[in-house]
Protein backbone atom coordinates (compact mmCIF):
# COMPACT_ATOMS: atom_id res chain seq x y z
CA MET A 1 188.06 131.36 119.28
CA THR A 2 188.80 133.97 116.66
CA GLN A 3 189.26 132.59 113.15
CA PRO A 4 192.91 133.29 112.27
CA THR A 5 193.99 135.11 109.10
CA VAL A 6 197.09 133.92 107.10
CA LEU A 7 198.71 136.03 104.31
CA ILE A 8 200.97 133.97 102.05
CA THR A 9 203.20 135.69 99.48
CA GLY A 10 203.82 133.73 96.34
CA GLY A 11 200.80 131.64 96.92
CA THR A 12 199.99 130.46 93.39
CA SER A 13 202.36 127.36 93.17
CA GLY A 14 204.52 125.02 95.10
CA ILE A 15 204.88 125.45 98.91
CA GLY A 16 202.83 128.69 98.85
CA ARG A 17 199.86 127.05 97.17
CA ALA A 18 200.17 123.99 99.40
CA CYS A 19 200.16 126.27 102.55
CA ALA A 20 197.09 128.08 101.43
CA LEU A 21 195.22 124.90 101.15
CA GLU A 22 196.72 123.44 104.38
CA PHE A 23 196.00 126.46 106.58
CA GLY A 24 192.64 127.01 105.01
CA ARG A 25 191.49 123.35 105.53
CA ALA A 26 192.50 123.79 109.14
CA GLY A 27 190.16 126.69 109.54
CA ALA A 28 192.16 129.83 108.61
CA ARG A 29 191.01 132.60 106.28
CA VAL A 30 193.69 132.84 103.55
CA VAL A 31 195.06 135.67 101.49
CA ILE A 32 197.35 134.77 98.65
CA THR A 33 199.57 137.06 96.52
CA GLY A 34 201.01 136.40 93.06
CA ARG A 35 202.23 138.25 90.05
CA ASP A 36 200.49 136.04 87.41
CA ALA A 37 196.82 136.78 87.26
CA ALA A 38 196.04 133.44 85.52
CA LYS A 39 197.78 131.40 88.22
CA LEU A 40 196.25 133.58 90.95
CA ALA A 41 192.78 132.95 89.66
CA ALA A 42 193.38 129.18 89.36
CA THR A 43 194.70 128.96 92.89
CA ALA A 44 191.68 131.05 94.17
CA ALA A 45 189.39 128.70 92.32
CA GLU A 46 190.92 125.75 94.17
CA LEU A 47 190.57 127.47 97.47
CA ALA A 48 186.84 128.34 96.71
CA ALA A 49 186.23 124.59 95.73
CA ALA A 50 187.66 123.53 99.06
CA GLY A 51 185.26 125.87 100.87
CA ILE A 52 188.15 128.09 102.25
CA GLU A 53 187.42 131.73 102.92
CA HIS A 54 190.06 133.68 100.99
CA ARG A 55 191.24 136.62 99.04
CA ALA A 56 193.66 136.79 96.06
CA VAL A 57 195.79 139.83 95.56
CA GLN A 58 197.80 140.46 92.33
CA ALA A 59 201.07 141.87 93.66
CA ASP A 60 204.84 141.73 93.20
CA VAL A 61 206.08 141.85 96.84
CA GLY A 62 209.47 143.02 95.60
CA ASP A 63 207.70 146.47 95.09
CA ALA A 64 207.20 148.13 98.53
CA ALA A 65 203.89 149.70 97.51
CA ALA A 66 202.57 146.46 96.22
CA ALA A 67 203.57 144.58 99.49
CA ALA A 68 201.96 147.27 101.65
CA ARG A 69 198.76 147.01 99.40
CA ALA A 70 198.59 143.20 99.96
CA VAL A 71 198.80 143.76 103.78
CA ALA A 72 196.19 146.54 103.48
CA ASP A 73 193.75 144.32 101.41
CA THR A 74 193.98 141.56 103.94
CA ILE A 75 193.02 143.90 106.84
CA ALA A 76 190.28 145.39 104.78
CA ALA A 77 188.83 141.94 104.00
CA PHE A 78 189.24 140.21 107.35
CA GLY A 79 190.19 142.95 109.93
CA ARG A 80 193.21 141.16 111.45
CA LEU A 81 196.45 139.21 110.62
CA ASP A 82 197.72 136.32 112.56
CA VAL A 83 200.23 134.66 110.39
CA LEU A 84 202.49 136.10 107.56
CA ILE A 85 204.27 133.54 105.48
CA ASN A 86 207.00 135.20 103.30
CA ASN A 87 207.09 132.56 100.65
CA ALA A 88 207.56 134.54 97.27
CA GLY A 89 210.92 133.72 95.84
CA LEU A 90 213.13 133.31 92.77
CA SER A 91 216.08 131.00 92.36
CA MET A 92 219.04 130.94 89.82
CA ARG A 93 221.37 128.51 88.16
CA ALA A 94 224.54 129.99 86.74
CA LYS A 95 228.20 130.32 87.74
CA PHE A 96 228.97 133.79 89.08
CA ALA A 97 231.66 134.31 86.48
CA ASP A 98 229.00 133.95 83.77
CA VAL A 99 225.93 135.58 85.36
CA ASP A 100 224.61 139.03 84.66
CA VAL A 101 224.75 140.84 88.06
CA ARG A 102 221.22 142.14 87.54
CA VAL A 103 220.07 138.63 88.05
CA LEU A 104 221.45 138.71 91.61
CA GLU A 105 219.83 142.13 92.19
CA GLN A 106 216.53 140.65 91.11
CA LEU A 107 216.80 137.79 93.47
CA MET A 108 217.69 140.03 96.32
CA GLN A 109 214.80 142.39 95.57
CA VAL A 110 212.23 139.54 95.59
CA ASN A 111 213.64 137.16 98.13
CA PHE A 112 215.00 139.56 100.73
CA PHE A 113 213.36 142.91 100.13
CA GLY A 114 210.04 141.20 99.40
CA THR A 115 210.25 139.68 102.95
CA VAL A 116 211.37 143.11 104.42
CA TYR A 117 208.67 145.11 102.74
CA THR A 118 205.78 142.71 103.50
CA THR A 119 206.88 142.25 107.16
CA LYS A 120 207.24 145.97 107.63
CA ALA A 121 203.77 146.58 106.48
CA ALA A 122 202.34 143.57 108.43
CA LEU A 123 204.09 144.11 111.66
CA PRO A 124 201.58 146.56 113.42
CA HIS A 125 198.87 143.91 112.96
CA LEU A 126 200.98 141.08 114.01
CA LEU A 127 201.84 142.98 117.21
CA ALA A 128 198.12 143.32 117.73
CA SER A 129 197.49 139.64 117.39
CA ARG A 130 200.74 138.48 118.86
CA GLY A 131 201.06 136.47 115.80
CA THR A 132 203.90 134.83 113.70
CA VAL A 133 206.18 135.92 110.79
CA VAL A 134 207.41 132.96 108.83
CA GLY A 135 210.27 133.20 106.29
CA ILE A 136 210.40 130.41 103.77
CA SER A 137 214.26 130.17 103.50
CA SER A 138 216.44 127.42 102.21
CA ILE A 139 219.35 125.20 103.15
CA ALA A 140 221.19 127.75 100.80
CA GLY A 141 220.55 130.17 103.56
CA TYR A 142 222.79 128.12 105.95
CA ARG A 143 225.26 126.77 103.32
CA GLY A 144 226.22 128.68 100.13
CA LEU A 145 225.48 126.64 97.03
CA PRO A 146 227.55 126.71 93.80
CA GLY A 147 225.63 128.01 90.93
CA ARG A 148 223.20 129.82 93.42
CA THR A 149 225.33 132.71 94.55
CA GLY A 150 222.53 135.15 94.20
CA TYR A 151 219.98 132.84 95.81
CA SER A 152 222.29 131.80 98.66
CA ALA A 153 223.04 135.51 99.40
CA SER A 154 219.31 136.51 99.51
CA LYS A 155 218.45 133.56 101.82
CA PHE A 156 221.41 134.32 104.07
CA ALA A 157 220.16 137.93 104.31
CA MET A 158 216.59 136.65 105.12
CA ASN A 159 217.91 134.36 107.87
CA GLY A 160 219.87 137.26 109.52
CA PHE A 161 216.91 139.68 109.18
CA LEU A 162 214.48 137.21 110.87
CA GLU A 163 216.95 136.32 113.56
CA ALA A 164 217.46 139.93 114.51
CA LEU A 165 213.72 140.50 114.28
CA ARG A 166 212.94 137.46 116.42
CA THR A 167 215.16 138.92 119.11
CA GLU A 168 213.59 142.34 119.00
CA LEU A 169 210.15 140.99 119.17
CA LEU A 170 210.57 138.62 122.10
CA PRO A 171 209.11 141.08 124.60
CA GLN A 172 206.10 141.68 122.36
CA GLY A 173 205.19 138.11 121.91
CA VAL A 174 205.46 137.92 118.21
CA ASN A 175 206.98 134.62 117.06
CA VAL A 176 209.36 134.51 114.14
CA LEU A 177 209.90 131.19 112.38
CA THR A 178 212.65 130.49 109.80
CA ALA A 179 211.76 127.45 107.70
CA ALA A 180 214.29 125.70 105.43
CA PRO A 181 212.56 123.15 103.33
CA GLY A 182 215.50 121.48 101.63
CA PHE A 183 214.86 120.11 98.25
CA THR A 184 211.15 120.17 97.69
CA ALA A 185 209.11 119.34 94.52
CA SER A 186 207.94 122.68 93.41
CA ASN A 187 208.12 125.21 90.46
CA ILE A 188 211.21 127.10 91.84
CA ARG A 189 213.76 125.22 89.73
CA ARG A 190 211.78 125.51 86.50
CA ALA A 191 211.34 129.28 87.19
CA ALA A 192 215.06 129.67 88.11
CA LEU A 193 216.96 132.38 86.24
CA VAL A 194 219.97 131.46 84.15
CA ALA A 195 223.00 133.55 83.44
CA ASN A 196 221.04 136.04 81.10
CA GLY A 197 218.12 136.46 83.37
CA GLU A 198 215.82 134.14 81.45
CA ALA A 199 213.97 131.23 83.18
CA GLN A 200 215.55 127.82 82.61
CA HIS A 201 211.99 126.22 82.23
CA ASP A 202 213.28 122.69 83.11
CA THR A 203 214.74 121.18 86.47
CA PRO A 204 218.09 119.52 86.56
CA ARG A 205 216.80 117.34 89.51
CA ASP A 206 214.43 114.41 90.00
CA GLU A 207 211.48 116.11 91.51
CA GLY A 208 209.97 112.85 92.15
CA LYS A 209 212.53 111.95 94.84
CA MET A 210 211.92 115.26 96.73
CA MET A 211 209.62 116.00 99.66
CA ALA A 212 206.21 117.03 98.31
CA SER A 213 204.90 120.64 98.90
CA GLU A 214 202.01 119.39 100.74
CA GLU A 215 204.23 117.58 103.25
CA VAL A 216 206.12 120.72 103.78
CA ALA A 217 202.96 122.68 104.22
CA ARG A 218 201.73 120.30 106.80
CA ARG A 219 204.98 120.43 108.92
CA LEU A 220 205.02 124.10 108.62
CA ARG A 221 201.58 124.46 109.96
CA ARG A 222 202.52 122.37 112.99
CA ALA A 223 205.60 124.48 113.49
CA VAL A 224 203.51 127.66 113.45
CA ALA A 225 201.09 126.13 116.00
CA GLN A 226 203.97 125.18 118.21
CA ARG A 227 205.58 128.64 117.75
CA ARG A 228 208.92 127.11 116.84
CA ARG A 229 211.81 129.38 115.92
CA SER A 230 213.29 127.29 113.22
CA LEU A 231 212.39 124.28 110.92
CA VAL A 232 214.87 122.43 108.83
CA LEU A 233 213.36 119.76 106.62
CA THR A 234 214.61 116.59 104.83
CA GLY A 235 217.39 114.24 105.89
CA GLN A 236 219.76 115.81 103.30
CA GLY A 237 218.97 119.33 104.44
CA LYS A 238 219.52 118.50 108.10
CA LEU A 239 222.87 116.58 107.37
CA THR A 240 224.03 119.52 105.21
CA VAL A 241 223.48 121.98 108.02
CA PHE A 242 225.17 119.69 110.60
CA LEU A 243 228.20 118.99 108.43
CA ASN A 244 228.64 122.65 107.44
CA LYS A 245 228.81 123.66 111.07
CA TRP A 246 231.30 120.96 112.23
CA LEU A 247 233.12 119.83 109.03
CA PRO A 248 233.08 122.91 106.70
CA GLY A 249 236.00 121.91 104.56
CA LEU A 250 234.60 118.49 103.93
CA THR A 251 231.18 120.02 103.07
CA ASP A 252 232.71 122.30 100.43
CA LYS A 253 233.85 119.14 98.57
CA LEU A 254 230.64 117.19 99.10
CA VAL A 255 228.44 120.09 97.94
CA LEU A 256 230.40 120.71 94.89
CA ALA A 257 230.38 116.95 93.89
CA ASN A 258 226.68 117.01 94.42
CA PHE A 259 226.06 119.85 92.18
CA ARG A 260 228.41 118.70 89.50
CA LYS A 261 225.95 115.89 88.99
CA GLU A 262 223.39 118.35 87.57
CA GLU A 263 223.12 118.62 83.89
CA GLY A 264 225.46 121.23 82.60
CA GLU A 265 228.21 120.45 85.07
CA LEU A 266 229.63 123.45 86.94
């Protein structure tokens, strides 16, 4: 059997890093992208220590040329692409009334257009391998969250894009998986942008009570192997999606109450 190749955007921390190790330990060749050269080198060293065949590409996938280069480097190194995991993303924490609109533009550029650019460049190779496109979305892509207007918008856009793409690609045998991890212990909240566009550096939530990135990666790998179309993780995440569908008015109140518990009440 041909050894599969997996490209993971935003592969230097959190879910992306965990996926690189998980897929690599399962026998895949792994390519990771990241913007920070030091973090990229550190994750590459971990992959090397685990005996995982890999490449590390410094790239901001919110730039179309950089996204295309990441795919080209993958093909140059390994000759094929079987799984694309669109994981690179930014979050935010600010009320819309207070936020600089450029923060929303930045989130849309990375979270949505980063997925679009990378998937566009990867598609010919995924068609050849009849592979899988994965989008790491969020519960915020099913239910708008207060203080996360730009993040929710970008994830709703990702979900719609992937659903349409899945339907287009049914005849060609390419699977499209939308994964919503729910609250996961990762770096995304510390890197979240506040109203002026700076990173908040701290998390308003208890990371220790969240699903570990490693567990998300294990479940995601199984979902890819099973060629599932969607994956919603954590009990809270599944309940939120269910309630929002059937009791949206109640969900408005519950979601607002939950987020008011955060430091810096909305």
